[in-house]
Amino acid sequence: MSQGADSRWGDLFDAVFSPAVLAGLTGFSLLLCLGSVVVVSWSVCRLPNDYLVTKQAWPRVQGWARVGRFLRNLLALLVLLVGILLLVLPGQGLLTILAGCLLLDVPGKRRLELRVMQRPRVLAAINRLRERGGRPPLRVPDARTD
């Protein structure tokens, strides 16, 4: 490697790790963290308390509702991508990924949600959030009915 290439890498390193860039990334990370907490809390509190018990089919939509579903999924994919980036950058990657998953509207999502949300520690955390929001805890299906 030549001396010029080393100099360019050094310049790039200095630019990326400058105080202004790091302060901007920190602010962006804090904003995404706060946004993720708000979106997840809001989404969990909006769920009906029989969400885990009722059977729901994936709704078919037509017309403008399809455009809305597409735009929502596009936003969800963007949030998921940012969450994946935040796994290696400073920030709340897992919360952002969870927020993106909650926004997604695809077949198979409900089955995955049910598997994750019925885990005891996850269900306890969800019910604590619901309690703070003044909502009743989620009802869990009987083991005999599965």
Foldseek 3Di string as FASTA:
>chain_A
DDPVVVVVVVVVVCVCPPPVNVVVLVVVQVVLQVVLVVLVLVLLLPDALALLPDDDDQDDDDDVVVVVLVVLLVVLVVLLVVLVVCVVPPHNSVSSNVSSLSSHRDPPSSVVCSVVCPPVVNQVVSQVSNVVVVHHRHDHDDPVVD
